[in-house]
Amino acid sequence: MKHIYSGLSLLELKDKYGIGSSGFYDNDWWFEESFAAEKPLQGEYEIDLGGDLINLTFEEQVKKLKKGYEPIHPAVLVEFILSHYAKTQKRLLESNYARTSVLISNRRVYVGSFDETGLNIFNDWDDVRNGRLGLAASLKFENGKIET
């Protein structure tokens, strides 16, 4: 699915969408982490939520990514999920999670379980296998072409 990413950080997205059903789950462990203020490159992304990459370690998931795809930054993924919900009222990753590109203190940041309490941001070890944990990845487009 394509998404035009605005360039907002996770903290800015929290301010935009808020805490609760149509925004973030009420946890604050990540507010002071450096990745929360990062602003990935603004622009168009082709996003794969990684639903076919479950029950694998992070390393195994990366090896199975489609050609050209890379693990996605959580800010891009979160904005995609929350903006999709705002437009359609349909929740992506409602009962699943997706790992992202961010590693903090030897633990991988992942996003998901977007239910009536909001979208969760968690972290766990890369070697964990879970039937509900995929790897979200993306292609970045530049002027309508895939960036290489």
C-alpha atoms as a PDB file:
ATOM      1  CA  MET A   1       0.000   0.000   0.000  1.00  0.00           C
ATOM      2  CA  LYS A   2       1.252   3.468  -0.802  1.00  0.00           C
ATOM      3  CA  HIS A   3       1.558   6.232   1.790  1.00  0.00           C
ATOM      4  CA  ILE A   4       2.694   9.848   1.495  1.00  0.00           C
ATOM      5  CA  TYR A   5       4.671  10.353   4.700  1.00  0.00           C
ATOM      6  CA  SER A   6       4.545  13.897   6.111  1.00  0.00           C
ATOM      7  CA  GLY A   7       7.904  13.866   7.879  1.00  0.00           C
ATOM      8  CA  LEU A   8       6.447  14.099  11.399  1.00  0.00           C
ATOM      9  CA  SER A   9       8.221  12.405  14.307  1.00  0.00           C
ATOM     10  CA  LEU A  10       6.444   9.946  16.598  1.00  0.00           C
ATOM     11  CA  LEU A  11       6.159  12.665  19.241  1.00  0.00           C
ATOM     12  CA  GLU A  12       4.541  15.011  16.720  1.00  0.00           C
ATOM     13  CA  LEU A  13       2.220  12.208  15.601  1.00  0.00           C
ATOM     14  CA  LYS A  14       1.250  11.652  19.251  1.00  0.00           C
ATOM     15  CA  ASP A  15       0.318  15.325  19.493  1.00  0.00           C
ATOM     16  CA  LYS A  16      -1.649  15.109  16.226  1.00  0.00           C
ATOM     17  CA  TYR A  17      -3.582  11.872  16.903  1.00  0.00           C
ATOM     18  CA  GLY A  18      -3.609  11.860  20.705  1.00  0.00           C
ATOM     19  CA  ILE A  19      -4.002   9.019  23.164  1.00  0.00           C
ATOM     20  CA  GLY A  20      -6.957   6.661  22.839  1.00  0.00           C
ATOM     21  CA  SER A  21      -9.060   4.792  20.331  1.00  0.00           C
ATOM     22  CA  SER A  22      -8.013   6.677  17.182  1.00  0.00           C
ATOM     23  CA  GLY A  23      -4.459   7.397  18.344  1.00  0.00           C
ATOM     24  CA  PHE A  24      -1.840   5.898  20.605  1.00  0.00           C
ATOM     25  CA  TYR A  25      -2.185   3.415  23.449  1.00  0.00           C
ATOM     26  CA  ASP A  26      -1.458   5.100  26.782  1.00  0.00           C
ATOM     27  CA  ASN A  27       2.138   4.100  27.447  1.00  0.00           C
ATOM     28  CA  ASP A  28       5.036   6.511  27.730  1.00  0.00           C
ATOM     29  CA  TRP A  29       8.205   4.404  27.852  1.00  0.00           C
ATOM     30  CA  TRP A  30       9.252   5.639  24.394  1.00  0.00           C
ATOM     31  CA  PHE A  31       8.678   9.399  24.858  1.00  0.00           C
ATOM     32  CA  GLU A  32      12.281  10.047  25.971  1.00  0.00           C
ATOM     33  CA  GLU A  33      13.905   7.664  23.475  1.00  0.00           C
ATOM     34  CA  SER A  34      15.824   9.334  20.635  1.00  0.00           C
ATOM     35  CA  PHE A  35      13.885   7.498  17.898  1.00  0.00           C
ATOM     36  CA  ALA A  36      10.664   9.222  19.049  1.00  0.00           C
ATOM     37  CA  ALA A  37      11.975  12.581  17.804  1.00  0.00           C
ATOM     38  CA  GLU A  38      13.513  11.261  14.556  1.00  0.00           C
ATOM     39  CA  LYS A  39      12.035  12.444  11.274  1.00  0.00           C
ATOM     40  CA  PRO A  40      12.597  10.001   8.410  1.00  0.00           C
ATOM     41  CA  LEU A  41      12.633  11.336   4.855  1.00  0.00           C
ATOM     42  CA  GLN A  42       9.314  12.821   3.839  1.00  0.00           C
ATOM     43  CA  GLY A  43       7.736  11.418   0.679  1.00  0.00           C
ATOM     44  CA  GLU A  44       5.989   8.460  -0.889  1.00  0.00           C
ATOM     45  CA  TYR A  45       6.505   4.957   0.481  1.00  0.00           C
ATOM     46  CA  GLU A  46       5.235   1.576  -0.627  1.00  0.00           C
ATOM     47  CA  ILE A  47       4.503  -0.235   2.655  1.00  0.00           C
ATOM     48  CA  ASP A  48       4.340  -3.954   3.381  1.00  0.00           C
ATOM     49  CA  LEU A  49       3.013  -4.791   6.855  1.00  0.00           C
ATOM     50  CA  GLY A  50       4.929  -8.073   6.927  1.00  0.00           C
ATOM     51  CA  GLY A  51       2.035 -10.398   7.657  1.00  0.00           C
ATOM     52  CA  ASP A  52       3.702 -13.215   5.732  1.00  0.00           C
ATOM     53  CA  LEU A  53       6.916 -12.913   7.783  1.00  0.00           C
ATOM     54  CA  ILE A  54       5.603 -14.194  11.120  1.00  0.00           C
ATOM     55  CA  ASN A  55       7.113 -16.789  13.448  1.00  0.00           C
ATOM     56  CA  LEU A  56      10.646 -15.824  12.402  1.00  0.00           C
ATOM     57  CA  THR A  57      13.519 -14.002  14.080  1.00  0.00           C
ATOM     58  CA  PHE A  58      14.319 -10.489  12.872  1.00  0.00           C
ATOM     59  CA  GLU A  59      17.357 -11.779  10.945  1.00  0.00           C
ATOM     60  CA  GLU A  60      15.245 -14.456   9.230  1.00  0.00           C
ATOM     61  CA  GLN A  61      12.591 -11.854   8.372  1.00  0.00           C
ATOM     62  CA  VAL A  62      15.122  -9.467   6.811  1.00  0.00           C
ATOM     63  CA  LYS A  63      16.472 -12.271   4.596  1.00  0.00           C
ATOM     64  CA  LYS A  64      12.935 -12.867   3.253  1.00  0.00           C
ATOM     65  CA  LEU A  65      12.080  -9.258   2.446  1.00  0.00           C
ATOM     66  CA  LYS A  66      10.971  -8.485  -1.100  1.00  0.00           C
ATOM     67  CA  LYS A  67      13.722  -7.083  -3.312  1.00  0.00           C
ATOM     68  CA  GLY A  68      14.418  -3.419  -2.562  1.00  0.00           C
ATOM     69  CA  TYR A  69      12.411  -3.359   0.673  1.00  0.00           C
ATOM     70  CA  GLU A  70      13.983  -2.330   3.976  1.00  0.00           C
ATOM     71  CA  PRO A  71      12.635  -2.409   7.535  1.00  0.00           C
ATOM     72  CA  ILE A  72      10.500   0.680   8.091  1.00  0.00           C
ATOM     73  CA  HIS A  73      10.980   3.451  10.640  1.00  0.00           C
ATOM     74  CA  PRO A  74       8.199   3.396  13.261  1.00  0.00           C
ATOM     75  CA  ALA A  75       7.174   7.016  12.517  1.00  0.00           C
ATOM     76  CA  VAL A  76       6.370   6.148   8.885  1.00  0.00           C
ATOM     77  CA  LEU A  77       4.492   3.014   9.929  1.00  0.00           C
ATOM     78  CA  VAL A  78       2.525   4.731  12.702  1.00  0.00           C
ATOM     79  CA  GLU A  79       1.470   7.614  10.472  1.00  0.00           C
ATOM     80  CA  PHE A  80       0.373   5.149   7.782  1.00  0.00           C
ATOM     81  CA  ILE A  81      -1.734   3.134  10.252  1.00  0.00           C
ATOM     82  CA  LEU A  82      -3.328   6.116  12.004  1.00  0.00           C
ATOM     83  CA  SER A  83      -4.027   8.088   8.814  1.00  0.00           C
ATOM     84  CA  HIS A  84      -5.540   4.960   7.228  1.00  0.00           C
ATOM     85  CA  TYR A  85      -7.829   4.618  10.232  1.00  0.00           C
ATOM     86  CA  ALA A  86      -8.795   8.316  10.108  1.00  0.00           C
ATOM     87  CA  LYS A  87      -9.811   7.922   6.443  1.00  0.00           C
ATOM     88  CA  THR A  88     -11.468   4.479   6.517  1.00  0.00           C
ATOM     89  CA  GLN A  89     -12.252   3.625  10.165  1.00  0.00           C
ATOM     90  CA  LYS A  90     -10.451   0.302   9.482  1.00  0.00           C
ATOM     91  CA  ARG A  91      -7.688  -0.762  11.853  1.00  0.00           C
ATOM     92  CA  LEU A  92      -4.478  -2.190  10.417  1.00  0.00           C
ATOM     93  CA  LEU A  93      -2.450  -4.517  12.675  1.00  0.00           C
ATOM     94  CA  GLU A  94      -5.451  -4.851  14.952  1.00  0.00           C
ATOM     95  CA  SER A  95      -4.319  -8.133  16.475  1.00  0.00           C
ATOM     96  CA  ASN A  96      -0.771  -8.374  15.092  1.00  0.00           C
ATOM     97  CA  TYR A  97       2.485  -6.490  15.468  1.00  0.00           C
ATOM     98  CA  ALA A  98       5.240  -5.468  13.069  1.00  0.00           C
ATOM     99  CA  ARG A  99       8.909  -5.011  13.850  1.00  0.00           C
ATOM    100  CA  THR A 100      10.561  -1.818  12.604  1.00  0.00           C
ATOM    101  CA  SER A 101      14.054  -0.593  11.741  1.00  0.00           C
ATOM    102  CA  VAL A 102      14.732   0.823  15.213  1.00  0.00           C
ATOM    103  CA  LEU A 103      16.858  -1.014  17.764  1.00  0.00           C
ATOM    104  CA  ILE A 104      17.182   0.385  21.298  1.00  0.00           C
ATOM    105  CA  SER A 105      19.165  -1.229  24.102  1.00  0.00           C
ATOM    106  CA  ASN A 106      19.426  -4.451  22.044  1.00  0.00           C
ATOM    107  CA  ARG A 107      15.655  -4.615  21.652  1.00  0.00           C
ATOM    108  CA  ARG A 108      13.663  -4.065  18.451  1.00  0.00           C
ATOM    109  CA  VAL A 109      10.831  -1.521  18.420  1.00  0.00           C
ATOM    110  CA  TYR A 110       7.560  -2.868  17.082  1.00  0.00           C
ATOM    111  CA  VAL A 111       4.089  -1.456  16.493  1.00  0.00           C
ATOM    112  CA  GLY A 112       0.634  -3.032  16.544  1.00  0.00           C
ATOM    113  CA  SER A 113      -2.319  -4.346  18.487  1.00  0.00           C
ATOM    114  CA  PHE A 114      -4.330  -1.342  17.265  1.00  0.00           C
ATOM    115  CA  ASP A 115      -7.609  -1.861  19.086  1.00  0.00           C
ATOM    116  CA  GLU A 116     -10.077   0.428  20.884  1.00  0.00           C
ATOM    117  CA  THR A 117      -7.364   1.372  23.409  1.00  0.00           C
ATOM    118  CA  GLY A 118      -5.074   2.744  20.673  1.00  0.00           C
ATOM    119  CA  LEU A 119      -1.963   1.778  18.706  1.00  0.00           C
ATOM    120  CA  ASN A 120       0.786   0.215  20.822  1.00  0.00           C
ATOM    121  CA  ILE A 121       4.536   0.743  20.604  1.00  0.00           C
ATOM    122  CA  PHE A 122       6.561  -2.051  22.211  1.00  0.00           C
ATOM    123  CA  ASN A 123      10.034  -3.569  22.039  1.00  0.00           C
ATOM    124  CA  ASP A 124      11.490  -7.065  22.301  1.00  0.00           C
ATOM    125  CA  TRP A 125      14.533  -9.147  21.415  1.00  0.00           C
ATOM    126  CA  ASP A 126      15.338  -9.814  17.754  1.00  0.00           C
ATOM    127  CA  ASP A 127      15.549 -13.573  18.272  1.00  0.00           C
ATOM    128  CA  VAL A 128      11.920 -13.907  19.462  1.00  0.00           C
ATOM    129  CA  ARG A 129       9.609 -15.916  17.186  1.00  0.00           C
ATOM    130  CA  ASN A 130       5.923 -15.126  17.441  1.00  0.00           C
ATOM    131  CA  GLY A 131       2.931 -16.047  15.294  1.00  0.00           C
ATOM    132  CA  ARG A 132       1.620 -12.479  15.552  1.00  0.00           C
ATOM    133  CA  LEU A 133       4.904 -10.591  14.945  1.00  0.00           C
ATOM    134  CA  GLY A 134       5.892  -9.703  11.378  1.00  0.00           C
ATOM    135  CA  LEU A 135       8.345  -7.184   9.931  1.00  0.00           C
ATOM    136  CA  ALA A 136       7.010  -4.006   8.320  1.00  0.00           C
ATOM    137  CA  ALA A 137       9.102  -2.847   5.382  1.00  0.00           C
ATOM    138  CA  SER A 138       8.987  -0.193   2.709  1.00  0.00           C
ATOM    139  CA  LEU A 139      10.271   1.096  -0.580  1.00  0.00           C
ATOM    140  CA  LYS A 140      10.950   4.841  -0.756  1.00  0.00           C
ATOM    141  CA  PHE A 141       9.931   6.611  -3.964  1.00  0.00           C
ATOM    142  CA  GLU A 142      11.655   9.701  -5.329  1.00  0.00           C
ATOM    143  CA  ASN A 143       9.864  11.627  -8.095  1.00  0.00           C
ATOM    144  CA  GLY A 144       7.611   8.641  -8.752  1.00  0.00           C
ATOM    145  CA  LYS A 145      10.548   6.217  -8.975  1.00  0.00           C
ATOM    146  CA  ILE A 146      11.940   3.794  -6.442  1.00  0.00           C
ATOM    147  CA  GLU A 147      14.902   5.304  -4.601  1.00  0.00           C
ATOM    148  CA  THR A 148      18.009   3.117  -4.841  1.00  0.00           C
END
